[in-house]
């Protein structure tokens, strides 16, 4: 369950700054991974939700940005039944506006997203397509 706007004031003051996708990709090295940018038509969330398989620099998470691009500000939430804001480089206003929908989408799809994180780098194109088609919208 997400905290109310009054309960989470400290959350925004203490959240680490989210690296851009370009910065994060520099830490991956030669490790194979799969990724995609999902649009509102895919998720029901106004903006871009970036999902990937294992990236060794951190645990399971999804990134959200207002528009696609490696240098875009974003925030990350954990992939779990009750997603948590992990870091943000978006304004507090944009984070507050988008976080509830992103967290609802992740909570709804957390089991599939976790399977993709853990196993997706070995999936065939058909398995990836079935995974994407099976994601639920908010």
Protein backbone atom coordinates (compact mmCIF):
# COMPACT_ATOMS: atom_id res chain seq x y z
CA UNK A 1 0.00 0.00 0.00
CA UNK A 2 1.33 3.42 -0.89
CA UNK A 3 1.74 6.00 1.87
CA UNK A 4 -0.60 8.99 1.81
CA UNK A 5 0.74 12.32 0.58
CA UNK A 6 1.09 13.50 4.19
CA UNK A 7 2.90 10.36 5.35
CA UNK A 8 5.41 10.40 2.52
CA UNK A 9 6.83 13.93 2.77
CA UNK A 10 10.12 12.57 4.12
CA UNK A 11 10.24 10.01 1.31
CA UNK A 12 10.87 12.72 -1.27
CA UNK A 13 13.41 14.59 0.83
CA UNK A 14 15.51 11.48 1.42
CA UNK A 15 15.18 9.58 -1.89
CA UNK A 16 18.54 9.26 -3.64
CA UNK A 17 18.96 10.94 -7.01
CA UNK A 18 18.04 8.57 -9.82
CA UNK A 19 20.75 8.11 -12.50
CA UNK A 20 19.73 8.59 -16.11
CA UNK A 21 19.43 5.48 -18.23
CA UNK A 22 22.65 6.44 -20.02
CA UNK A 23 24.50 6.59 -16.68
CA UNK A 24 23.00 3.31 -15.55
CA UNK A 25 23.91 1.52 -18.79
CA UNK A 26 27.56 2.45 -18.20
CA UNK A 27 27.54 0.24 -15.08
CA UNK A 28 26.22 -2.85 -16.89
CA UNK A 29 29.45 -3.71 -18.70
CA UNK A 30 29.29 -6.87 -20.80
CA UNK A 31 26.42 -8.48 -18.88
CA UNK A 32 23.56 -9.42 -21.26
CA UNK A 33 20.12 -7.98 -20.49
CA UNK A 34 16.85 -7.24 -22.24
CA UNK A 35 14.94 -3.99 -21.93
CA UNK A 36 11.98 -2.16 -23.35
CA UNK A 37 10.15 1.13 -22.96
CA UNK A 38 6.42 0.61 -22.41
CA UNK A 39 4.04 3.39 -23.40
CA UNK A 40 0.71 4.43 -21.90
CA UNK A 41 -1.07 2.17 -24.40
CA UNK A 42 0.78 -0.78 -22.82
CA UNK A 43 0.52 0.12 -19.12
CA UNK A 44 -2.28 2.64 -18.63
CA UNK A 45 0.34 4.93 -17.02
CA UNK A 46 0.82 8.36 -18.62
CA UNK A 47 4.53 8.30 -19.48
CA UNK A 48 7.22 5.71 -20.19
CA UNK A 49 7.86 2.67 -18.00
CA UNK A 50 11.29 1.13 -18.61
CA UNK A 51 11.59 -2.55 -17.72
CA UNK A 52 14.64 -4.78 -17.97
CA UNK A 53 16.12 -8.11 -17.04
CA UNK A 54 18.83 -8.27 -14.37
CA UNK A 55 21.12 -5.26 -14.25
CA UNK A 56 23.92 -6.10 -11.84
CA UNK A 57 24.13 -2.62 -10.36
CA UNK A 58 20.86 -2.96 -8.39
CA UNK A 59 17.90 -5.15 -7.52
CA UNK A 60 14.61 -5.59 -9.40
CA UNK A 61 13.11 -2.23 -10.31
CA UNK A 62 11.36 -0.34 -13.06
CA UNK A 63 12.11 3.21 -14.13
CA UNK A 64 9.52 5.83 -15.06
CA UNK A 65 10.15 8.91 -17.19
CA UNK A 66 7.86 11.41 -18.83
CA UNK A 67 9.28 10.75 -22.31
CA UNK A 68 11.72 8.22 -23.76
CA UNK A 69 15.43 8.93 -23.91
CA UNK A 70 18.64 7.90 -22.21
CA UNK A 71 19.19 11.31 -20.62
CA UNK A 72 15.68 11.84 -19.26
CA UNK A 73 15.07 12.41 -15.54
CA UNK A 74 13.25 9.47 -13.99
CA UNK A 75 12.31 7.65 -10.83
CA UNK A 76 12.62 3.98 -9.91
CA UNK A 77 10.32 1.77 -7.88
CA UNK A 78 11.01 -1.69 -6.52
CA UNK A 79 9.40 -4.71 -8.19
CA UNK A 80 7.37 -6.22 -5.36
CA UNK A 81 3.77 -6.54 -4.18
CA UNK A 82 4.07 -3.18 -2.39
CA UNK A 83 6.44 -1.13 -4.58
CA UNK A 84 8.65 1.49 -2.92
CA UNK A 85 10.13 4.63 -4.40
CA UNK A 86 13.87 3.93 -4.58
CA UNK A 87 15.29 7.06 -6.22
CA UNK A 88 14.15 10.04 -8.27
CA UNK A 89 15.61 12.74 -10.46
CA UNK A 90 12.15 14.01 -11.51
CA UNK A 91 10.73 17.02 -9.75
CA UNK A 92 8.82 16.25 -6.57
CA UNK A 93 5.66 17.45 -8.32
CA UNK A 94 6.10 15.07 -11.28
CA UNK A 95 7.07 12.20 -8.96
CA UNK A 96 3.99 12.73 -6.77
CA UNK A 97 1.76 12.86 -9.82
CA UNK A 98 3.09 9.68 -11.50
CA UNK A 99 4.12 7.50 -8.56
CA UNK A 100 0.66 6.20 -7.56
CA UNK A 101 -0.13 4.90 -11.08
CA UNK A 102 3.34 3.41 -11.58
CA UNK A 103 3.20 1.70 -8.18
CA UNK A 104 -0.30 0.31 -8.94
CA UNK A 105 0.94 -1.04 -12.30
CA UNK A 106 4.01 -2.65 -10.74
CA UNK A 107 1.95 -4.18 -7.91
CA UNK A 108 -0.51 -5.59 -10.44
CA UNK A 109 2.30 -7.11 -12.53
CA UNK A 110 5.04 -7.74 -9.96
CA UNK A 111 5.19 -11.52 -10.38
CA UNK A 112 5.56 -11.33 -14.17
CA UNK A 113 8.03 -8.43 -13.92
CA UNK A 114 10.13 -10.41 -11.42
CA UNK A 115 10.16 -13.45 -13.74
CA UNK A 116 11.29 -11.20 -16.61
CA UNK A 117 13.99 -9.67 -14.37
CA UNK A 118 15.28 -13.09 -13.31
CA UNK A 119 14.84 -15.16 -16.48
CA UNK A 120 14.00 -12.88 -19.42
CA UNK A 121 17.52 -12.70 -20.81
CA UNK A 122 17.17 -16.36 -21.86
CA UNK A 123 13.66 -16.09 -23.32
CA UNK A 124 12.88 -16.46 -27.00
CA UNK A 125 11.20 -13.66 -28.95
CA UNK A 126 7.87 -15.51 -28.63
CA UNK A 127 8.27 -15.79 -24.84
CA UNK A 128 9.03 -12.07 -24.59
CA UNK A 129 6.01 -11.25 -26.78
CA UNK A 130 3.77 -13.46 -24.60
CA UNK A 131 5.13 -11.78 -21.45
CA UNK A 132 4.44 -8.30 -22.84
CA UNK A 133 0.95 -9.30 -24.02
CA UNK A 134 0.18 -10.69 -20.56
CA UNK A 135 0.98 -7.50 -18.64
CA UNK A 136 -2.13 -5.86 -17.20
CA UNK A 137 -2.97 -2.17 -17.58
CA UNK A 138 -4.09 0.11 -14.75
